[in-house]
Amino acid sequence: MICTLLSIYSFLLFVRLILSWFPHPPDWARPIYVFLFSITDPVLRLVRPLLPPLRMGGAALDLSPILIFIAIRIIIQILDSQGLC
């Protein structure tokens, strides 16, 4: 069950990343944005100080989601190797 929850969280984080490219959601999608951002922001806020954004000219690329994806995959692999998934 833990592995399933981690996989779902990983998927929600991915959806949040895609939606973040569209900063002004239509009214019908606003509750979805609020939900996704409220679940993913706490973890992202924990990781962002550890991994500063990659500067690319006038823009910056937030690498913290990549670190979270890697951490989730490692945790799932460890749990799977222990027979807990």
C-alpha atoms as a PDB file:
ATOM      1  CA  MET A   1       0.000   0.000   0.000  1.00  0.00           C
ATOM      2  CA  ILE A   2       2.878   2.377   0.764  1.00  0.00           C
ATOM      3  CA  CYS A   3       4.318   1.831  -2.709  1.00  0.00           C
ATOM      4  CA  THR A   4       0.932   2.558  -4.268  1.00  0.00           C
ATOM      5  CA  LEU A   5       0.629   5.793  -2.292  1.00  0.00           C
ATOM      6  CA  LEU A   6       4.149   6.828  -3.309  1.00  0.00           C
ATOM      7  CA  SER A   7       3.346   6.094  -6.951  1.00  0.00           C
ATOM      8  CA  ILE A   8       0.145   8.128  -6.736  1.00  0.00           C
ATOM      9  CA  TYR A   9       2.044  11.002  -5.120  1.00  0.00           C
ATOM     10  CA  SER A  10       4.640  10.822  -7.883  1.00  0.00           C
ATOM     11  CA  PHE A  11       1.876  11.001 -10.490  1.00  0.00           C
ATOM     12  CA  LEU A  12       0.226  13.967  -8.731  1.00  0.00           C
ATOM     13  CA  LEU A  13       3.574  15.744  -8.602  1.00  0.00           C
ATOM     14  CA  PHE A  14       4.004  15.144 -12.334  1.00  0.00           C
ATOM     15  CA  VAL A  15       0.528  16.553 -13.055  1.00  0.00           C
ATOM     16  CA  ARG A  16       1.322  19.553 -10.864  1.00  0.00           C
ATOM     17  CA  LEU A  17       4.503  20.195 -12.856  1.00  0.00           C
ATOM     18  CA  ILE A  18       2.576  20.141 -16.127  1.00  0.00           C
ATOM     19  CA  LEU A  19      -0.120  22.434 -14.741  1.00  0.00           C
ATOM     20  CA  SER A  20       2.498  24.855 -13.432  1.00  0.00           C
ATOM     21  CA  TRP A  21       3.264  25.751 -17.047  1.00  0.00           C
ATOM     22  CA  PHE A  22      -0.204  27.324 -17.175  1.00  0.00           C
ATOM     23  CA  PRO A  23      -0.167  29.866 -14.336  1.00  0.00           C
ATOM     24  CA  HIS A  24      -3.731  31.142 -14.892  1.00  0.00           C
ATOM     25  CA  PRO A  25      -6.100  28.187 -14.850  1.00  0.00           C
ATOM     26  CA  PRO A  26      -9.663  28.479 -16.089  1.00  0.00           C
ATOM     27  CA  ASP A  27     -12.256  28.779 -13.341  1.00  0.00           C
ATOM     28  CA  TRP A  28     -13.363  25.155 -13.641  1.00  0.00           C
ATOM     29  CA  ALA A  29      -9.771  23.929 -13.079  1.00  0.00           C
ATOM     30  CA  ARG A  30      -8.942  26.142 -10.108  1.00  0.00           C
ATOM     31  CA  PRO A  31      -9.977  23.550  -7.461  1.00  0.00           C
ATOM     32  CA  ILE A  32      -7.706  20.998  -9.136  1.00  0.00           C
ATOM     33  CA  TYR A  33      -4.789  23.433  -9.035  1.00  0.00           C
ATOM     34  CA  VAL A  34      -5.429  24.262  -5.384  1.00  0.00           C
ATOM     35  CA  PHE A  35      -5.627  20.571  -4.458  1.00  0.00           C
ATOM     36  CA  LEU A  36      -2.455  19.576  -6.328  1.00  0.00           C
ATOM     37  CA  PHE A  37      -0.441  22.529  -5.111  1.00  0.00           C
ATOM     38  CA  SER A  38      -1.565  22.017  -1.509  1.00  0.00           C
ATOM     39  CA  ILE A  39      -0.411  18.368  -1.531  1.00  0.00           C
ATOM     40  CA  THR A  40       2.883  18.892  -3.336  1.00  0.00           C
ATOM     41  CA  ASP A  41       4.059  22.251  -1.981  1.00  0.00           C
ATOM     42  CA  PRO A  42       5.074  21.030   1.506  1.00  0.00           C
ATOM     43  CA  VAL A  43       7.499  18.457   0.102  1.00  0.00           C
ATOM     44  CA  LEU A  44       8.828  20.827  -2.551  1.00  0.00           C
ATOM     45  CA  ARG A  45       9.414  23.506   0.097  1.00  0.00           C
ATOM     46  CA  LEU A  46      11.484  21.023   2.112  1.00  0.00           C
ATOM     47  CA  VAL A  47      13.695  20.116  -0.850  1.00  0.00           C
ATOM     48  CA  ARG A  48      14.151  23.520  -2.527  1.00  0.00           C
ATOM     49  CA  PRO A  49      16.729  24.813  -0.018  1.00  0.00           C
ATOM     50  CA  LEU A  50      18.818  21.687  -0.630  1.00  0.00           C
ATOM     51  CA  LEU A  51      18.895  22.121  -4.408  1.00  0.00           C
ATOM     52  CA  PRO A  52      18.991  25.692  -5.717  1.00  0.00           C
ATOM     53  CA  PRO A  53      17.389  26.434  -9.095  1.00  0.00           C
ATOM     54  CA  LEU A  54      19.519  26.090 -12.200  1.00  0.00           C
ATOM     55  CA  ARG A  55      19.940  29.538 -13.767  1.00  0.00           C
ATOM     56  CA  MET A  56      19.469  29.711 -17.523  1.00  0.00           C
ATOM     57  CA  GLY A  57      19.785  33.325 -18.550  1.00  0.00           C
ATOM     58  CA  GLY A  58      16.793  35.195 -17.169  1.00  0.00           C
ATOM     59  CA  ALA A  59      14.960  32.012 -16.200  1.00  0.00           C
ATOM     60  CA  ALA A  60      15.520  29.435 -13.506  1.00  0.00           C
ATOM     61  CA  LEU A  61      14.762  25.722 -13.607  1.00  0.00           C
ATOM     62  CA  ASP A  62      13.540  24.219 -10.324  1.00  0.00           C
ATOM     63  CA  LEU A  63      15.297  20.870  -9.931  1.00  0.00           C
ATOM     64  CA  SER A  64      13.646  19.900  -6.638  1.00  0.00           C
ATOM     65  CA  PRO A  65      10.893  17.799  -8.309  1.00  0.00           C
ATOM     66  CA  ILE A  66      13.574  15.674  -9.960  1.00  0.00           C
ATOM     67  CA  LEU A  67      15.143  14.997  -6.558  1.00  0.00           C
ATOM     68  CA  ILE A  68      11.739  14.031  -5.166  1.00  0.00           C
ATOM     69  CA  PHE A  69      11.057  11.677  -8.097  1.00  0.00           C
ATOM     70  CA  ILE A  70      14.442  10.007  -7.535  1.00  0.00           C
ATOM     71  CA  ALA A  71      13.822   9.709  -3.785  1.00  0.00           C
ATOM     72  CA  ILE A  72      10.401   8.148  -4.352  1.00  0.00           C
ATOM     73  CA  ARG A  73      11.847   5.615  -6.804  1.00  0.00           C
ATOM     74  CA  ILE A  74      14.631   4.705  -4.356  1.00  0.00           C
ATOM     75  CA  ILE A  75      12.145   4.268  -1.508  1.00  0.00           C
ATOM     76  CA  ILE A  76       9.911   2.073  -3.686  1.00  0.00           C
ATOM     77  CA  GLN A  77      12.920  -0.036  -4.747  1.00  0.00           C
ATOM     78  CA  ILE A  78      14.009  -0.494  -1.127  1.00  0.00           C
ATOM     79  CA  LEU A  79      10.498  -1.439  -0.026  1.00  0.00           C
ATOM     80  CA  ASP A  80      10.148  -3.797  -2.992  1.00  0.00           C
ATOM     81  CA  SER A  81      13.446  -5.517  -2.200  1.00  0.00           C
ATOM     82  CA  GLN A  82      12.194  -6.082   1.351  1.00  0.00           C
ATOM     83  CA  GLY A  83       8.968  -7.592   0.005  1.00  0.00           C
ATOM     84  CA  LEU A  84       6.838  -4.729   1.326  1.00  0.00           C
ATOM     85  CA  CYS A  85       5.328  -3.761  -2.014  1.00  0.00           C
END
